[in-house]
Amino acid sequence: LLTPYEYARLVMQHGTTTVVADPHEIANVCGTAGIE
């Protein structure tokens, strides 16, 4: 429920430096613009 900016700000506090993300949620709603 967070923007990528807020998500990064949160999970990096927990030692995460890389995520493998599948943007199919935003792609369903916004198409290729969601991937962009």
Full PDB file with SEQRES, HELIX, SHEET, SSBOND, CRYST1, ORIGX, SCALE, CONECT and MASTER records, all heavy atoms in Angstrom:
SEQRES   1 A   36  LEU LEU THR PRO TYR GLU TYR ALA ARG LEU VAL MET GLN          
SEQRES   2 A   36  HIS GLY THR THR THR VAL VAL ALA ASP PRO HIS GLU ILE          
SEQRES   3 A   36  ALA ASN VAL CYS GLY THR ALA GLY ILE GLU                      
HELIX    1 AA1 PRO A    4  VAL A   11  1                                   8    
HELIX    2 AA2 MET A   12  HIS A   14  5                                   3    
HELIX    3 AA3 HIS A   24  CYS A   30  1                                   7    
HELIX    4 AA4 THR A   32  ILE A   35  1                                   4    
CRYST1    1.000    1.000    1.000  90.00  90.00  90.00 P 1           1          
ORIGX1      1.000000  0.000000  0.000000        0.00000                         
ORIGX2      0.000000  1.000000  0.000000        0.00000                         
ORIGX3      0.000000  0.000000  1.000000        0.00000                         
SCALE1      1.000000  0.000000  0.000000        0.00000                         
SCALE2      0.000000  1.000000  0.000000        0.00000                         
SCALE3      0.000000  0.000000  1.000000        0.00000                         
ATOM      1  N   LEU A   1       0.826  -1.219   0.000  1.00  0.00           N  
ATOM      2  CA  LEU A   1       0.000   0.000   0.000  1.00  0.00           C  
ATOM      3  C   LEU A   1       0.856   1.264   0.000  1.00  0.00           C  
ATOM      4  O   LEU A   1       0.347   2.367   0.198  1.00  0.00           O  
ATOM      5  CB  LEU A   1      -0.979   0.041   1.185  1.00  0.00           C  
ATOM      6  CG  LEU A   1      -1.846  -1.199   1.378  1.00  0.00           C  
ATOM      7  CD1 LEU A   1      -2.710  -1.042   2.640  1.00  0.00           C  
ATOM      8  CD2 LEU A   1      -2.732  -1.443   0.161  1.00  0.00           C  
ATOM      9  N   LEU A   2       2.157   1.097  -0.240  1.00  0.00           N  
ATOM     10  CA  LEU A   2       3.110   2.208  -0.225  1.00  0.00           C  
ATOM     11  C   LEU A   2       3.646   2.469  -1.627  1.00  0.00           C  
ATOM     12  O   LEU A   2       3.734   1.560  -2.454  1.00  0.00           O  
ATOM     13  CB  LEU A   2       4.286   1.886   0.699  1.00  0.00           C  
ATOM     14  CG  LEU A   2       3.968   1.540   2.153  1.00  0.00           C  
ATOM     15  CD1 LEU A   2       5.234   1.085   2.873  1.00  0.00           C  
ATOM     16  CD2 LEU A   2       3.348   2.732   2.871  1.00  0.00           C  
ATOM     17  N   THR A   3       4.054   3.705  -1.873  1.00  0.00           N  
ATOM     18  CA  THR A   3       4.801   4.002  -3.089  1.00  0.00           C  
ATOM     19  C   THR A   3       6.173   3.342  -2.983  1.00  0.00           C  
ATOM     20  O   THR A   3       6.648   3.036  -1.878  1.00  0.00           O  
ATOM     21  CB  THR A   3       4.990   5.508  -3.263  1.00  0.00           C  
ATOM     22  OG1 THR A   3       5.787   6.015  -2.173  1.00  0.00           O  
ATOM     23  CG2 THR A   3       3.656   6.231  -3.318  1.00  0.00           C  
ATOM     24  N   PRO A   4       6.850   3.103  -4.109  1.00  0.00           N  
ATOM     25  CA  PRO A   4       8.201   2.520  -4.039  1.00  0.00           C  
ATOM     26  C   PRO A   4       9.153   3.330  -3.170  1.00  0.00           C  
ATOM     27  O   PRO A   4      10.011   2.762  -2.488  1.00  0.00           O  
ATOM     28  CB  PRO A   4       8.641   2.512  -5.504  1.00  0.00           C  
ATOM     29  CG  PRO A   4       7.368   2.399  -6.267  1.00  0.00           C  
ATOM     30  CD  PRO A   4       6.368   3.220  -5.493  1.00  0.00           C  
ATOM     31  N   TYR A   5       8.999   4.647  -3.187  1.00  0.00           N  
ATOM     32  CA  TYR A   5       9.841   5.503  -2.347  1.00  0.00           C  
ATOM     33  C   TYR A   5       9.654   5.171  -0.873  1.00  0.00           C  
ATOM     34  O   TYR A   5      10.625   4.956  -0.131  1.00  0.00           O  
ATOM     35  CB  TYR A   5       9.508   6.974  -2.613  1.00  0.00           C  
ATOM     36  CG  TYR A   5       9.984   7.933  -1.550  1.00  0.00           C  
ATOM     37  CD1 TYR A   5      11.318   8.330  -1.496  1.00  0.00           C  
ATOM     38  CD2 TYR A   5       9.100   8.438  -0.592  1.00  0.00           C  
ATOM     39  CE1 TYR A   5      11.761   9.202  -0.517  1.00  0.00           C  
ATOM     40  CE2 TYR A   5       9.542   9.309   0.388  1.00  0.00           C  
ATOM     41  CZ  TYR A   5      10.867   9.688   0.421  1.00  0.00           C  
ATOM     42  OH  TYR A   5      11.292  10.543   1.398  1.00  0.00           O  
ATOM     43  N   GLU A   6       8.411   5.120  -0.420  1.00  0.00           N  
ATOM     44  CA  GLU A   6       8.146   4.836   0.991  1.00  0.00           C  
ATOM     45  C   GLU A   6       8.492   3.391   1.332  1.00  0.00           C  
ATOM     46  O   GLU A   6       8.970   3.098   2.431  1.00  0.00           O  
ATOM     47  CB  GLU A   6       6.685   5.128   1.329  1.00  0.00           C  
ATOM     48  CG  GLU A   6       6.338   6.602   1.346  1.00  0.00           C  
ATOM     49  CD  GLU A   6       7.075   7.360   2.447  1.00  0.00           C  
ATOM     50  OE1 GLU A   6       7.346   6.765   3.500  1.00  0.00           O  
ATOM     51  OE2 GLU A   6       7.365   8.549   2.252  1.00  0.00           O  
ATOM     52  N   TYR A   7       8.237   2.490   0.391  1.00  0.00           N  
ATOM     53  CA  TYR A   7       8.586   1.080   0.603  1.00  0.00           C  
ATOM     54  C   TYR A   7      10.093   0.937   0.822  1.00  0.00           C  
ATOM     55  O   TYR A   7      10.534   0.261   1.758  1.00  0.00           O  
ATOM     56  CB  TYR A   7       8.134   0.262  -0.605  1.00  0.00           C  
ATOM     57  CG  TYR A   7       8.419  -1.208  -0.497  1.00  0.00           C  
ATOM     58  CD1 TYR A   7       7.562  -2.064   0.176  1.00  0.00           C  
ATOM     59  CD2 TYR A   7       9.552  -1.756  -1.095  1.00  0.00           C  
ATOM     60  CE1 TYR A   7       7.820  -3.420   0.262  1.00  0.00           C  
ATOM     61  CE2 TYR A   7       9.830  -3.108  -1.013  1.00  0.00           C  
ATOM     62  CZ  TYR A   7       8.958  -3.938  -0.334  1.00  0.00           C  
ATOM     63  OH  TYR A   7       9.226  -5.280  -0.241  1.00  0.00           O  
ATOM     64  N   ALA A   8      10.879   1.572  -0.033  1.00  0.00           N  
ATOM     65  CA  ALA A   8      12.337   1.506   0.101  1.00  0.00           C  
ATOM     66  C   ALA A   8      12.787   2.097   1.432  1.00  0.00           C  
ATOM     67  O   ALA A   8      13.645   1.536   2.127  1.00  0.00           O  
ATOM     68  CB  ALA A   8      13.000   2.241  -1.062  1.00  0.00           C  
ATOM     69  N   ARG A   9      12.205   3.220   1.792  1.00  0.00           N  
ATOM     70  CA  ARG A   9      12.588   3.881   3.043  1.00  0.00           C  
ATOM     71  C   ARG A   9      12.326   2.985   4.248  1.00  0.00           C  
ATOM     72  O   ARG A   9      13.074   3.024   5.237  1.00  0.00           O  
ATOM     73  CB  ARG A   9      11.802   5.195   3.161  1.00  0.00           C  
ATOM     74  CG  ARG A   9      12.305   6.151   4.225  1.00  0.00           C  
ATOM     75  CD  ARG A   9      11.690   7.528   4.052  1.00  0.00           C  
ATOM     76  NE  ARG A   9      10.280   7.568   4.376  1.00  0.00           N  
ATOM     77  CZ  ARG A   9       9.805   7.802   5.610  1.00  0.00           C  
ATOM     78  NH1 ARG A   9      10.643   7.978   6.622  1.00  0.00           N  
ATOM     79  NH2 ARG A   9       8.507   7.852   5.829  1.00  0.00           N  
ATOM     80  N   LEU A  10      11.310   2.156   4.148  1.00  0.00           N  
ATOM     81  CA  LEU A  10      10.952   1.281   5.258  1.00  0.00           C  
ATOM     82  C   LEU A  10      11.780  -0.001   5.274  1.00  0.00           C  
ATOM     83  O   LEU A  10      12.388  -0.343   6.296  1.00  0.00           O  
ATOM     84  CB  LEU A  10       9.453   0.953   5.180  1.00  0.00           C  
ATOM     85  CG  LEU A  10       8.877  -0.029   6.193  1.00  0.00           C  
ATOM     86  CD1 LEU A  10       9.240   0.349   7.625  1.00  0.00           C  
ATOM     87  CD2 LEU A  10       7.360  -0.112   6.040  1.00  0.00           C  
ATOM     88  N   VAL A  11      11.828  -0.740   4.158  1.00  0.00           N  
ATOM     89  CA  VAL A  11      12.460  -2.063   4.206  1.00  0.00           C  
ATOM     90  C   VAL A  11      13.976  -1.989   4.330  1.00  0.00           C  
ATOM     91  O   VAL A  11      14.602  -2.923   4.859  1.00  0.00           O  
ATOM     92  CB  VAL A  11      12.066  -2.936   2.994  1.00  0.00           C  
ATOM     93  CG1 VAL A  11      10.565  -3.117   2.929  1.00  0.00           C  
ATOM     94  CG2 VAL A  11      12.626  -2.404   1.695  1.00  0.00           C  
ATOM     95  N   MET A  12      14.585  -0.894   3.885  1.00  0.00           N  
ATOM     96  CA  MET A  12      16.043  -0.802   4.009  1.00  0.00           C  
ATOM     97  C   MET A  12      16.478  -0.665   5.459  1.00  0.00           C  
ATOM     98  O   MET A  12      17.626  -0.993   5.805  1.00  0.00           O  
ATOM     99  CB  MET A  12      16.598   0.338   3.148  1.00  0.00           C  
ATOM    100  CG  MET A  12      16.447   0.086   1.657  1.00  0.00           C  
ATOM    101  SD  MET A  12      17.498   1.134   0.626  1.00  0.00           S  
ATOM    102  CE  MET A  12      19.057   0.229   0.694  1.00  0.00           C  
ATOM    103  N   GLN A  13      15.577  -0.208   6.311  1.00  0.00           N  
ATOM    104  CA  GLN A  13      15.890  -0.193   7.748  1.00  0.00           C  
ATOM    105  C   GLN A  13      16.018  -1.607   8.305  1.00  0.00           C  
ATOM    106  O   GLN A  13      16.583  -1.798   9.381  1.00  0.00           O  
ATOM    107  CB  GLN A  13      14.790   0.549   8.508  1.00  0.00           C  
ATOM    108  CG  GLN A  13      14.627   2.006   8.135  1.00  0.00           C  
ATOM    109  CD  GLN A  13      13.451   2.641   8.859  1.00  0.00           C  
ATOM    110  OE1 GLN A  13      13.221   2.410  10.040  1.00  0.00           O  
ATOM    111  NE2 GLN A  13      12.674   3.447   8.142  1.00  0.00           N  
ATOM    112  N   HIS A  14      15.495  -2.581   7.575  1.00  0.00           N  
ATOM    113  CA  HIS A  14      15.502  -3.976   8.022  1.00  0.00           C  
ATOM    114  C   HIS A  14      16.556  -4.812   7.307  1.00  0.00           C  
ATOM    115  O   HIS A  14      16.487  -6.037   7.320  1.00  0.00           O  
ATOM    116  CB  HIS A  14      14.119  -4.586   7.835  1.00  0.00           C  
ATOM    117  CG  HIS A  14      13.081  -3.961   8.728  1.00  0.00           C  
ATOM    118  ND1 HIS A  14      12.903  -4.347  10.039  1.00  0.00           N  
ATOM    119  CD2 HIS A  14      12.198  -2.962   8.501  1.00  0.00           C  
ATOM    120  CE1 HIS A  14      11.942  -3.619  10.580  1.00  0.00           C  
ATOM    121  NE2 HIS A  14      11.496  -2.773   9.678  1.00  0.00           N  
ATOM    122  N   GLY A  15      17.520  -4.158   6.677  1.00  0.00           N  
ATOM    123  CA  GLY A  15      18.641  -4.866   6.077  1.00  0.00           C  
ATOM    124  C   GLY A  15      18.432  -5.299   4.650  1.00  0.00           C  
ATOM    125  O   GLY A  15      19.326  -5.910   4.045  1.00  0.00           O  
ATOM    126  N   THR A  16      17.272  -5.014   4.063  1.00  0.00           N  
ATOM    127  CA  THR A  16      17.003  -5.392   2.677  1.00  0.00           C  
ATOM    128  C   THR A  16      17.652  -4.388   1.739  1.00  0.00           C  
ATOM    129  O   THR A  16      17.461  -3.176   1.888  1.00  0.00           O  
ATOM    130  CB  THR A  16      15.492  -5.451   2.413  1.00  0.00           C  
ATOM    131  OG1 THR A  16      14.903  -6.411   3.292  1.00  0.00           O  
ATOM    132  CG2 THR A  16      15.206  -5.845   0.974  1.00  0.00           C  
ATOM    133  N   THR A  17      18.390  -4.899   0.765  1.00  0.00           N  
ATOM    134  CA  THR A  17      19.037  -4.023  -0.218  1.00  0.00           C  
ATOM    135  C   THR A  17      18.594  -4.316  -1.642  1.00  0.00           C  
ATOM    136  O   THR A  17      18.829  -3.519  -2.541  1.00  0.00           O  
ATOM    137  CB  THR A  17      20.572  -4.141  -0.129  1.00  0.00           C  
ATOM    138  OG1 THR A  17      20.938  -5.523  -0.240  1.00  0.00           O  
ATOM    139  CG2 THR A  17      21.085  -3.577   1.193  1.00  0.00           C  
ATOM    140  N   THR A  18      17.927  -5.470  -1.850  1.00  0.00           N  
ATOM    141  CA  THR A  18      17.431  -5.839  -3.180  1.00  0.00           C  
ATOM    142  C   THR A  18      16.088  -6.533  -3.036  1.00  0.00           C  
ATOM    143  O   THR A  18      15.921  -7.385  -2.154  1.00  0.00           O  
ATOM    144  CB  THR A  18      18.404  -6.801  -3.900  1.00  0.00           C  
ATOM    145  OG1 THR A  18      19.689  -6.177  -4.042  1.00  0.00           O  
ATOM    146  CG2 THR A  18      17.882  -7.173  -5.286  1.00  0.00           C  
ATOM    147  N   VAL A  19      15.141  -6.172  -3.901  1.00  0.00           N  
ATOM    148  CA  VAL A  19      13.890  -6.931  -3.992  1.00  0.00           C  
ATOM    149  C   VAL A  19      13.666  -7.292  -5.450  1.00  0.00           C  
ATOM    150  O   VAL A  19      14.004  -6.531  -6.361  1.00  0.00           O  
ATOM    151  CB  VAL A  19      12.673  -6.145  -3.447  1.00  0.00           C  
ATOM    152  CG1 VAL A  19      12.852  -5.832  -1.969  1.00  0.00           C  
ATOM    153  CG2 VAL A  19      12.421  -4.872  -4.244  1.00  0.00           C  
ATOM    154  N   VAL A  20      13.110  -8.484  -5.657  1.00  0.00           N  
ATOM    155  CA  VAL A  20      12.733  -8.915  -7.002  1.00  0.00           C  
ATOM    156  C   VAL A  20      11.225  -8.730  -7.097  1.00  0.00           C  
ATOM    157  O   VAL A  20      10.457  -9.488  -6.502  1.00  0.00           O  
ATOM    158  CB  VAL A  20      13.146 -10.370  -7.258  1.00  0.00           C  
ATOM    159  CG1 VAL A  20      12.743 -10.790  -8.673  1.00  0.00           C  
ATOM    160  CG2 VAL A  20      14.652 -10.538  -7.058  1.00  0.00           C  
ATOM    161  N   ALA A  21      10.820  -7.699  -7.818  1.00  0.00           N  
ATOM    162  CA  ALA A  21       9.428  -7.263  -7.822  1.00  0.00           C  
ATOM    163  C   ALA A  21       8.732  -7.635  -9.126  1.00  0.00           C  
ATOM    164  O   ALA A  21       9.286  -7.472 -10.213  1.00  0.00           O  
ATOM    165  CB  ALA A  21       9.349  -5.752  -7.610  1.00  0.00           C  
ATOM    166  N   ASP A  22       7.522  -8.134  -8.983  1.00  0.00           N  
ATOM    167  CA  ASP A  22       6.651  -8.365 -10.131  1.00  0.00           C  
ATOM    168  C   ASP A  22       5.547  -7.311 -10.065  1.00  0.00           C  
ATOM    169  O   ASP A  22       4.689  -7.364  -9.181  1.00  0.00           O  
ATOM    170  CB  ASP A  22       6.053  -9.772 -10.066  1.00  0.00           C  
ATOM    171  CG  ASP A  22       5.141 -10.091 -11.250  1.00  0.00           C  
ATOM    172  OD1 ASP A  22       4.690  -9.150 -11.929  1.00  0.00           O  
ATOM    173  OD2 ASP A  22       4.865 -11.278 -11.484  1.00  0.00           O  
ATOM    174  N   PRO A  23       5.545  -6.327 -10.973  1.00  0.00           N  
ATOM    175  CA  PRO A  23       4.565  -5.231 -10.895  1.00  0.00           C  
ATOM    176  C   PRO A  23       3.236  -5.539 -11.575  1.00  0.00           C  
ATOM    177  O   PRO A  23       2.638  -4.668 -12.200  1.00  0.00           O  
ATOM    178  CB  PRO A  23       5.302  -4.092 -11.603  1.00  0.00           C  
ATOM    179  CG  PRO A  23       6.138  -4.780 -12.633  1.00  0.00           C  
ATOM    180  CD  PRO A  23       6.547  -6.095 -12.027  1.00  0.00           C  
ATOM    181  N   HIS A  24       2.768  -6.790 -11.437  1.00  0.00           N  
ATOM    182  CA  HIS A  24       1.540  -7.098 -12.169  1.00  0.00           C  
ATOM    183  C   HIS A  24       0.305  -6.450 -11.556  1.00  0.00           C  
ATOM    184  O   HIS A  24      -0.716  -6.317 -12.234  1.00  0.00           O  
ATOM    185  CB  HIS A  24       1.367  -8.609 -12.371  1.00  0.00           C  
ATOM    186  CG  HIS A  24       0.963  -9.404 -11.175  1.00  0.00           C  
ATOM    187  ND1 HIS A  24       1.418 -10.680 -10.974  1.00  0.00           N  
ATOM    188  CD2 HIS A  24       0.146  -9.165 -10.126  1.00  0.00           C  
ATOM    189  CE1 HIS A  24       0.896 -11.186  -9.872  1.00  0.00           C  
ATOM    190  NE2 HIS A  24       0.128 -10.276  -9.336  1.00  0.00           N  
ATOM    191  N   GLU A  25       0.376  -6.006 -10.299  1.00  0.00           N  
ATOM    192  CA  GLU A  25      -0.777  -5.301  -9.724  1.00  0.00           C  
ATOM    193  C   GLU A  25      -0.991  -3.965 -10.440  1.00  0.00           C  
ATOM    194  O   GLU A  25      -2.089  -3.664 -10.928  1.00  0.00           O  
ATOM    195  CB  GLU A  25      -0.575  -5.064  -8.223  1.00  0.00           C  
ATOM    196  CG  GLU A  25      -0.029  -6.236  -7.419  1.00  0.00           C  
ATOM    197  CD  GLU A  25      -0.976  -7.415  -7.349  1.00  0.00           C  
ATOM    198  OE1 GLU A  25      -2.091  -7.330  -7.884  1.00  0.00           O  
ATOM    199  OE2 GLU A  25      -0.592  -8.441  -6.765  1.00  0.00           O  
ATOM    200  N   ILE A  26       0.059  -3.181 -10.513  1.00  0.00           N  
ATOM    201  CA  ILE A  26      -0.048  -1.872 -11.149  1.00  0.00           C  
ATOM    202  C   ILE A  26      -0.198  -2.005 -12.662  1.00  0.00           C  
ATOM    203  O   ILE A  26      -0.826  -1.174 -13.318  1.00  0.00           O  
ATOM    204  CB  ILE A  26       1.172  -0.982 -10.776  1.00  0.00           C  
ATOM    205  CG1 ILE A  26       0.927   0.484 -11.121  1.00  0.00           C  
ATOM    206  CG2 ILE A  26       2.445  -1.483 -11.421  1.00  0.00           C  
ATOM    207  CD1 ILE A  26      -0.099   1.150 -10.244  1.00  0.00           C  
ATOM    208  N   ALA A  27       0.335  -3.083 -13.236  1.00  0.00           N  
ATOM    209  CA  ALA A  27       0.205  -3.296 -14.676  1.00  0.00           C  
ATOM    210  C   ALA A  27      -1.225  -3.650 -15.046  1.00  0.00           C  
ATOM    211  O   ALA A  27      -1.707  -3.273 -16.126  1.00  0.00           O  
ATOM    212  CB  ALA A  27       1.159  -4.390 -15.148  1.00  0.00           C  
ATOM    213  N   ASN A  28      -1.942  -4.368 -14.187  1.00  0.00           N  
ATOM    214  CA  ASN A  28      -3.344  -4.664 -14.449  1.00  0.00           C  
ATOM    215  C   ASN A  28      -4.157  -3.388 -14.559  1.00  0.00           C  
ATOM    216  O   ASN A  28      -5.081  -3.294 -15.371  1.00  0.00           O  
ATOM    217  CB  ASN A  28      -3.916  -5.544 -13.333  1.00  0.00           C  
ATOM    218  CG  ASN A  28      -3.837  -7.019 -13.627  1.00  0.00           C  
ATOM    219  OD1 ASN A  28      -4.696  -7.569 -14.317  1.00  0.00           O  
ATOM    220  ND2 ASN A  28      -2.795  -7.676 -13.136  1.00  0.00           N  
ATOM    221  N   VAL A  29      -3.824  -2.402 -13.743  1.00  0.00           N  
ATOM    222  CA  VAL A  29      -4.585  -1.156 -13.688  1.00  0.00           C  
ATOM    223  C   VAL A  29      -4.082  -0.134 -14.700  1.00  0.00           C  
ATOM    224  O   VAL A  29      -4.872   0.613 -15.280  1.00  0.00           O  
ATOM    225  CB  VAL A  29      -4.516  -0.574 -12.258  1.00  0.00           C  
ATOM    226  CG1 VAL A  29      -5.170   0.787 -12.193  1.00  0.00           C  
ATOM    227  CG2 VAL A  29      -5.179  -1.529 -11.270  1.00  0.00           C  
ATOM    228  N   CYS A  30      -2.773  -0.100 -14.930  1.00  0.00           N  
ATOM    229  CA  CYS A  30      -2.186   0.970 -15.744  1.00  0.00           C  
ATOM    230  C   CYS A  30      -1.444   0.485 -16.988  1.00  0.00           C  
ATOM    231  O   CYS A  30      -0.863   1.298 -17.710  1.00  0.00           O  
ATOM    232  CB  CYS A  30      -1.219   1.791 -14.891  1.00  0.00           C  
ATOM    233  SG  CYS A  30      -1.971   2.562 -13.460  1.00  0.00           S  
ATOM    234  N   GLY A  31      -1.416  -0.808 -17.224  1.00  0.00           N  
ATOM    235  CA  GLY A  31      -0.743  -1.319 -18.409  1.00  0.00           C  
ATOM    236  C   GLY A  31       0.759  -1.108 -18.368  1.00  0.00           C  
ATOM    237  O   GLY A  31       1.391  -1.167 -17.309  1.00  0.00           O  
ATOM    238  N   THR A  32       1.353  -0.832 -19.521  1.00  0.00           N  
ATOM    239  CA  THR A  32       2.815  -0.661 -19.594  1.00  0.00           C  
ATOM    240  C   THR A  32       3.283   0.543 -18.784  1.00  0.00           C  
ATOM    241  O   THR A  32       4.429   0.568 -18.326  1.00  0.00           O  
ATOM    242  CB  THR A  32       3.260  -0.504 -21.061  1.00  0.00           C  
ATOM    243  OG1 THR A  32       2.524   0.561 -21.671  1.00  0.00           O  
ATOM    244  CG2 THR A  32       3.020  -1.789 -21.837  1.00  0.00           C  
ATOM    245  N   ALA A  33       2.411   1.537 -18.583  1.00  0.00           N  
ATOM    246  CA  ALA A  33       2.786   2.691 -17.757  1.00  0.00           C  
ATOM    247  C   ALA A  33       3.070   2.254 -16.321  1.00  0.00           C  
ATOM    248  O   ALA A  33       3.896   2.865 -15.636  1.00  0.00           O  
ATOM    249  CB  ALA A  33       1.687   3.743 -17.776  1.00  0.00           C  
ATOM    250  N   GLY A  34       2.394   1.205 -15.858  1.00  0.00           N  
ATOM    251  CA  GLY A  34       2.658   0.682 -14.524  1.00  0.00           C  
ATOM    252  C   GLY A  34       4.042   0.081 -14.417  1.00  0.00           C  
ATOM    253  O   GLY A  34       4.730   0.252 -13.406  1.00  0.00           O  
ATOM    254  N   ILE A  35       4.475  -0.629 -15.465  1.00  0.00           N  
ATOM    255  CA  ILE A  35       5.834  -1.176 -15.479  1.00  0.00           C  
ATOM    256  C   ILE A  35       6.851  -0.043 -15.497  1.00  0.00           C  
ATOM    257  O   ILE A  35       7.858  -0.072 -14.787  1.00  0.00           O  
ATOM    258  CB  ILE A  35       6.027  -2.111 -16.687  1.00  0.00           C  
ATOM    259  CG1 ILE A  35       5.012  -3.260 -16.649  1.00  0.00           C  
ATOM    260  CG2 ILE A  35       7.444  -2.669 -16.708  1.00  0.00           C  
ATOM    261  CD1 ILE A  35       5.041  -4.154 -17.880  1.00  0.00           C  
ATOM    262  N   GLU A  36       6.585   0.963 -16.327  1.00  0.00           N  
ATOM    263  CA  GLU A  36       7.490   2.126 -16.387  1.00  0.00           C  
ATOM    264  C   GLU A  36       7.626   2.784 -15.024  1.00  0.00           C  
ATOM    265  O   GLU A  36       8.711   3.226 -14.633  1.00  0.00           O  
ATOM    266  CB  GLU A  36       6.976   3.143 -17.406  1.00  0.00           C  
ATOM    267  CG  GLU A  36       7.118   2.719 -18.852  1.00  0.00           C  
ATOM    268  CD  GLU A  36       8.556   2.855 -19.359  1.00  0.00           C  
ATOM    269  OE1 GLU A  36       9.436   3.268 -18.592  1.00  0.00           O  
ATOM    270  OE2 GLU A  36       8.773   2.529 -20.541  1.00  0.00           O  
TER     271      GLU A  36                                                      
MASTER        0    0    0    4    0    0    0    6  270    1    0    3          
END                                                                             
